[in-house]
Protein backbone atom coordinates (compact mmCIF):
# COMPACT_ATOMS: atom_id res chain seq x y z
CA MET A 1 -2.84 41.85 -5.06
CA PHE A 2 -4.87 45.06 -5.10
CA THR A 3 -4.21 48.65 -4.13
CA GLY A 4 -7.52 48.80 -2.33
CA CYS A 5 -8.56 52.17 -3.80
CA ASN A 6 -12.12 50.88 -4.13
CA VAL A 7 -12.63 51.85 -0.49
CA THR A 8 -12.88 55.48 -1.59
CA ARG A 9 -15.39 55.03 -4.37
CA LYS A 10 -18.07 56.84 -2.42
CA THR A 11 -16.10 60.07 -2.97
CA VAL A 12 -14.83 59.60 -6.54
CA ASP A 13 -16.43 58.84 -9.87
CA PHE A 14 -13.49 56.98 -11.32
CA GLY A 15 -11.01 54.63 -9.64
CA VAL A 16 -7.94 52.70 -10.66
CA GLU A 17 -7.24 49.26 -9.28
CA ALA A 18 -3.95 47.49 -9.95
CA VAL A 19 -3.70 43.70 -9.66
CA LEU A 20 -0.33 41.99 -9.25
CA LEU A 21 -0.90 38.56 -10.77
CA HIS A 22 2.43 37.05 -9.83
CA PRO A 23 3.69 38.40 -6.50
CA GLU A 24 7.09 37.27 -5.31
CA SER A 25 6.11 37.08 -1.64
CA ARG A 26 5.62 33.66 -0.09
CA GLY A 27 3.84 32.24 2.95
CA ARG A 28 3.88 28.68 4.19
CA VAL A 29 1.69 25.93 5.60
CA VAL A 30 3.00 24.15 8.68
CA VAL A 31 1.78 20.78 9.97
CA PRO A 32 2.26 21.13 13.73
CA THR A 33 1.60 17.49 14.66
CA ALA A 34 1.07 14.03 13.20
CA ARG A 35 -2.47 13.94 14.65
CA ALA A 36 -5.00 14.17 11.84
CA GLU A 37 -7.56 16.08 13.92
CA VAL A 38 -5.18 19.03 14.44
CA PRO A 39 -5.51 21.50 11.53
CA PRO A 40 -2.43 22.85 9.78
CA VAL A 41 -1.19 26.37 10.44
CA ALA A 42 -1.25 28.74 7.47
CA GLU A 43 1.21 31.63 7.71
CA TYR A 44 -0.10 34.26 5.33
CA PRO A 45 2.50 36.17 3.36
CA ALA A 46 3.01 39.90 3.47
CA LEU A 47 3.84 41.75 0.29
CA TRP A 48 7.55 42.08 -0.21
CA GLU A 49 9.16 45.39 -1.11
CA SER A 50 9.72 44.15 -4.65
CA ASP A 51 5.97 43.58 -4.96
CA TYR A 52 5.16 47.14 -3.85
CA ARG A 53 7.59 48.55 -6.40
CA ARG A 54 6.03 46.49 -9.17
CA LEU A 55 2.57 47.78 -8.17
CA GLU A 56 3.81 51.34 -8.36
CA ALA A 57 5.22 50.72 -11.83
CA VAL A 58 1.96 49.17 -13.05
CA LEU A 59 -0.10 52.11 -11.75
CA LEU A 60 2.23 54.67 -13.28
CA ARG A 61 2.08 53.03 -16.71
CA PHE A 62 -1.69 52.79 -16.48
CA GLY A 63 -1.95 56.42 -15.46
CA GLU A 64 0.24 57.53 -18.34
CA ALA A 65 -1.96 55.64 -20.78
CA LEU A 66 -5.04 57.46 -19.46
CA GLY A 67 -3.38 60.86 -19.08
CA LEU A 68 -3.59 60.75 -15.28
CA GLU A 69 -1.10 62.28 -12.89
CA GLU A 70 0.35 60.44 -9.88
CA LYS A 71 -1.95 62.33 -7.49
CA ASP A 72 -4.92 60.93 -9.37
CA LEU A 73 -3.78 57.36 -8.65
CA VAL A 74 -3.72 57.49 -4.85
CA ALA A 75 -6.55 56.37 -2.59
CA ASP A 76 -6.21 59.15 -0.01
CA LYS A 77 -5.36 62.71 -0.96
CA GLY A 78 -2.09 63.88 0.43
CA GLU A 79 -0.43 60.49 0.15
CA SER A 80 2.32 59.71 -2.30
CA LEU A 81 1.82 56.78 -4.63
CA ALA A 82 4.38 54.78 -2.66
CA GLN A 83 2.51 55.45 0.58
CA SER A 84 -0.87 54.65 -0.95
CA VAL A 85 0.31 51.31 -2.35
CA ARG A 86 1.82 50.26 0.97
CA SER A 87 -1.12 51.34 3.10
CA HIS A 88 -3.93 49.97 0.92
CA GLY A 89 -2.45 46.90 -0.76
CA TYR A 90 -4.11 43.66 0.32
CA LEU A 91 -4.26 39.99 -0.53
CA TYR A 92 -7.07 38.63 -2.64
CA GLN A 93 -7.24 35.17 -0.99
CA HIS A 94 -5.85 33.28 -3.98
CA PHE A 95 -3.48 31.14 -1.94
CA CYS A 96 -1.94 28.19 -3.71
CA CYS A 97 1.24 26.21 -4.43
CA SER A 98 1.93 24.99 -0.87
CA ALA A 99 1.98 21.37 -2.15
CA ARG A 100 3.26 22.16 -5.62
CA VAL A 101 3.75 19.68 -8.43
CA ALA A 102 7.35 19.34 -9.57
CA PRO A 103 9.34 16.97 -11.78
CA GLU A 104 11.53 14.34 -10.17
CA GLY A 105 14.60 15.92 -8.59
CA GLN A 106 13.06 19.36 -8.12
CA PRO A 107 11.52 20.78 -4.92
CA GLY A 108 7.87 19.82 -4.75
CA VAL A 109 5.35 17.76 -2.82
CA CYS A 110 3.56 16.04 -5.71
CA ASP A 111 4.66 14.29 -8.88
CA GLU A 112 3.13 14.95 -12.28
CA GLY A 113 0.24 12.61 -11.43
CA LEU A 114 -0.62 14.72 -8.34
CA ARG A 115 0.52 11.85 -6.10
CA VAL A 116 2.18 12.93 -2.85
CA ARG A 117 5.72 11.64 -2.96
CA GLY A 118 6.46 9.10 -0.25
CA VAL A 119 2.82 8.57 0.78
CA ARG A 120 1.06 5.74 -1.01
CA GLY A 121 -2.49 6.44 -2.16
CA LEU A 122 -2.49 10.16 -1.26
CA TYR A 123 -3.32 12.78 -3.89
CA VAL A 124 -3.66 16.58 -3.82
CA ALA A 125 -6.70 17.80 -5.73
CA ASP A 126 -6.90 21.54 -5.04
CA ALA A 127 -5.08 24.79 -5.75
CA SER A 128 -2.24 23.90 -3.39
CA ALA A 129 -0.90 21.54 -6.09
CA LEU A 130 -0.45 24.34 -8.62
CA PRO A 131 3.25 24.91 -9.38
CA PHE A 132 2.75 28.66 -9.68
CA LEU A 133 0.02 31.27 -9.23
CA PRO A 134 -2.14 31.44 -12.37
CA SER A 135 -2.93 34.75 -14.06
CA SER A 136 -6.59 34.40 -13.12
CA HIS A 137 -8.94 33.52 -10.34
CA THR A 138 -8.07 30.09 -8.94
CA SER A 139 -11.52 28.50 -9.26
CA ALA A 140 -11.09 27.20 -12.81
CA PRO A 141 -7.51 25.94 -12.25
CA ALA A 142 -8.64 24.20 -9.05
CA LEU A 143 -11.39 22.40 -10.99
CA LEU A 144 -8.80 21.33 -13.55
CA VAL A 145 -6.48 20.04 -10.82
CA GLY A 146 -9.34 18.04 -9.34
CA GLU A 147 -10.15 16.49 -12.69
CA LEU A 148 -6.50 15.59 -13.33
CA ALA A 149 -6.13 14.10 -9.84
CA ALA A 150 -9.24 11.97 -10.35
CA ALA A 151 -7.93 10.72 -13.71
CA SER A 152 -4.54 9.95 -12.17
CA ALA A 153 -6.07 8.10 -9.21
CA LEU A 154 -8.34 6.09 -11.52
CA GLU A 155 -5.41 5.16 -13.76
CA THR A 156 -3.36 4.06 -10.75
CA TYR A 157 -6.31 2.09 -9.39
CA ARG A 158 -6.84 0.29 -12.69
CA ALA A 159 -3.14 -0.54 -13.00
CA GLY A 160 -3.08 -1.71 -9.39
CA PHE A 161 -6.24 -3.74 -9.95
CA ALA A 162 -4.61 -5.46 -12.90
CA ARG A 163 -1.50 -6.22 -10.84
CA ALA A 164 -3.65 -7.37 -7.92
CA SER A 165 -5.62 -9.62 -10.26
CA ALA A 166 -2.39 -11.22 -11.43
CA VAL A 167 -1.28 -11.68 -7.83
CA ARG A 168 -4.66 -13.18 -6.92
CA ALA A 169 -4.46 -15.54 -9.88
CA ALA A 170 -0.99 -16.66 -8.82
CA GLU A 171 -2.19 -17.08 -5.24
CA ALA A 172 -5.20 -19.08 -6.44
CA ALA A 173 -2.88 -21.33 -8.43
CA ARG A 174 -0.69 -21.76 -5.37
CA ARG A 175 -3.70 -22.57 -3.22
CA GLY A 176 -4.89 -25.01 -5.86
CA THR A 177 -1.58 -26.85 -5.73
CA ARG A 178 -1.70 -26.86 -1.96
CA ALA A 179 -5.28 -28.11 -2.00
CA ALA A 180 -4.26 -30.89 -4.37
CA LEU A 181 -1.49 -31.79 -1.96
CA LEU A 182 -3.48 -31.65 1.26
CA ALA A 183 -7.01 -32.44 0.15
CA ALA A 184 -6.85 -34.30 -3.14
CA PRO A 185 -10.12 -36.01 -4.20
CA GLY A 186 -10.46 -39.69 -3.42
CA SER A 187 -12.31 -41.30 -0.61
CA GLY A 188 -10.39 -44.26 0.68
CA ALA A 189 -7.20 -46.23 1.03
CA GLY A 190 -5.88 -47.81 -2.13
CA GLU A 191 -7.88 -45.48 -4.43
CA ASP A 192 -5.83 -43.61 -7.04
CA LEU A 193 -5.89 -39.86 -6.51
CA ALA A 194 -6.99 -37.62 -9.39
CA GLY A 195 -3.89 -36.14 -10.96
CA PHE A 196 -1.58 -38.44 -8.99
CA ALA A 197 -2.27 -41.80 -10.60
CA ARG A 198 1.34 -42.25 -11.76
CA ALA A 199 4.25 -43.83 -9.96
CA PRO A 200 5.77 -41.90 -7.02
CA THR A 201 8.14 -39.08 -7.90
CA ALA A 202 11.78 -38.91 -6.87
CA GLN A 203 12.40 -38.58 -3.15
CA LEU A 204 13.05 -35.08 -1.88
CA ARG A 205 16.39 -34.11 -0.29
CA VAL A 206 17.27 -35.54 3.08
CA LEU A 207 19.38 -34.40 5.99
CA SER A 208 22.08 -37.06 6.26
CA ASP A 209 24.00 -38.14 9.34
CA ALA A 210 21.16 -37.16 11.67
CA GLY A 211 21.70 -39.92 14.18
CA GLN A 212 20.78 -43.26 12.63
CA VAL A 213 18.15 -41.82 10.27
CA ASP A 214 18.38 -39.86 7.01
CA LEU A 215 15.76 -37.27 7.93
CA PRO A 216 13.87 -35.74 4.96
CA LEU A 217 14.05 -31.94 4.83
CA VAL A 218 10.35 -31.64 3.95
CA GLY A 219 7.66 -33.16 6.15
CA LEU A 220 3.89 -33.23 6.38
CA GLY A 221 2.37 -32.44 9.75
CA THR A 222 -0.97 -34.18 10.12
CA GLY A 223 -2.11 -32.54 13.33
CA THR A 224 -3.98 -29.67 11.63
CA LEU A 225 -5.62 -31.77 8.91
CA ARG A 226 -9.27 -32.62 9.22
CA ALA A 227 -9.77 -36.30 9.93
CA HIS A 228 -11.47 -37.07 6.61
CA ARG A 229 -8.61 -35.50 4.66
CA VAL A 230 -5.65 -37.20 6.30
CA THR A 231 -5.55 -40.26 4.02
CA ASP A 232 -5.68 -38.30 0.77
CA ALA A 233 -3.25 -35.66 2.01
CA VAL A 234 -0.69 -38.27 3.06
CA ALA A 235 -0.98 -40.10 -0.26
CA ALA A 236 -0.64 -36.89 -2.28
CA PHE A 237 2.35 -35.73 -0.25
CA LEU A 238 4.19 -39.01 -0.73
CA ARG A 239 3.45 -39.06 -4.47
CA LEU A 240 4.97 -35.59 -4.72
CA GLY A 241 8.22 -36.89 -3.26
CA GLY A 242 7.74 -36.28 0.45
CA ARG A 243 8.99 -38.96 2.78
CA HIS A 244 8.48 -37.54 6.29
CA LEU A 245 5.14 -37.80 8.10
CA ASP A 246 4.51 -36.39 11.55
CA THR A 247 1.72 -37.58 13.81
CA ALA A 248 0.97 -37.96 17.52
CA ALA A 249 -1.04 -40.10 19.88
CA MET A 250 -3.42 -37.21 20.53
CA TYR A 251 -4.17 -36.88 16.80
CA ASP A 252 -5.67 -40.38 16.76
CA ASN A 253 -5.04 -40.70 13.02
CA TYR A 254 -2.65 -43.67 12.73
CA VAL A 255 -5.10 -45.73 10.69
CA ALA A 256 -5.71 -42.85 8.25
CA VAL A 257 -1.95 -42.24 7.91
CA ARG A 258 -1.40 -45.93 7.14
CA ALA A 259 -4.18 -45.84 4.53
CA GLY A 260 -2.53 -42.86 2.85
CA ILE A 261 0.83 -44.62 2.77
CA GLU A 262 -0.71 -47.67 1.16
CA ALA A 263 -2.59 -45.53 -1.37
CA SER A 264 0.61 -43.74 -2.40
CA LEU A 265 2.32 -47.00 -3.49
CA VAL A 266 5.49 -45.81 -1.72
CA ASN A 267 7.44 -48.45 0.16
CA PHE A 268 6.87 -48.04 3.88
CA SER A 269 10.55 -48.63 4.57
CA ASP A 270 11.38 -45.42 2.63
CA ILE A 271 9.20 -43.26 4.88
CA VAL A 272 10.08 -41.68 8.21
CA VAL A 273 7.13 -41.38 10.58
CA THR A 274 7.69 -39.31 13.69
CA GLY A 275 5.28 -39.40 16.58
CA LYS A 276 4.74 -37.83 19.97
CA MET A 277 3.19 -39.14 23.15
CA MET A 278 2.76 -37.78 26.63
CA PRO A 279 5.16 -39.14 29.29
CA LEU A 280 2.39 -40.25 31.67
CA GLY A 281 4.08 -43.30 33.07
CA ARG A 282 5.29 -46.71 31.84
CA ASP A 283 1.92 -48.28 31.23
CA SER A 284 0.56 -45.20 29.43
CA VAL A 285 3.58 -44.99 27.12
CA ARG A 286 3.41 -48.73 26.38
CA GLY A 287 -0.25 -48.38 25.51
CA ALA A 288 0.46 -45.41 23.21
CA VAL A 289 3.25 -47.27 21.44
CA ALA A 290 1.05 -50.32 20.97
CA ALA A 291 -1.74 -48.15 19.53
CA ALA A 292 0.71 -46.51 17.10
CA LEU A 293 2.09 -49.87 15.92
CA ALA A 294 -1.37 -51.32 15.49
CA GLY A 295 -2.70 -48.30 13.65
CA LEU A 296 0.30 -48.06 11.31
CA GLY A 297 0.40 -51.81 10.82
CA ARG A 298 4.03 -52.13 11.87
CA PRO A 299 5.50 -54.96 13.92
CA ARG A 300 7.99 -52.88 15.88
CA LEU A 301 9.04 -49.33 16.77
CA GLU A 302 12.47 -48.10 15.72
CA VAL A 303 13.88 -45.40 17.99
CA ALA A 304 16.48 -43.11 16.40
């Protein structure tokens, strides 16, 4: 803050200018709407009475050091020092601290890493993040804040990248397991699958007392599998302990399902195969059932 006496320099040879480095007055920045295109509203502070009194004290001490009287410290002759300070004091456009950094638990917008609390990925990199007004111009502190914010963002990015890499690796492993289950290598019925050339694993849990059938809790739907992958996927699923296969007349994959069952070395009588067919009349249903039995190589259809 300045007294503004430089406006009279055309009439004097010597002037005194007092700067209040740490005024107590405060303004505020208001965000009027959530719309990003609407600029915030800055309410500029006016000097408080305590600030004016501090300016008077500074000028008086300075004047005493130079042997000047109070009348020599005013901008306009005839004014008292108190009047001169209040009429000519002005702001020097060093606004800051509206998004101040503060430790956890204290009032503040940003944490020590200049991250805005509660908003992921948002940093403040200008003078608004300063916790208090520096005893200087704000250009150098603003550059320092920008450098610290960049370092903080880079550190967070690197840490997040490392975590993301771990997540991606886990996801790749999961996808690899799934791929082995649904698309294991091997090209035909009866061929051992890579990684599954051992005897079938223990059967997975079943849902007992479901009508006349113990229905396995885990099943493999074959409707979304590509035709050339059905056999290997069925065999891999059964070797992993699955015992429920779902198909349908419209899938037209009974032969491939049967080939997968045979390749798995699992007893057909231990497997539940569910199917679906359109109710398009007696003859159509009979034809669909006959096609299912022929494709699966079964002599009869058991209805639960």
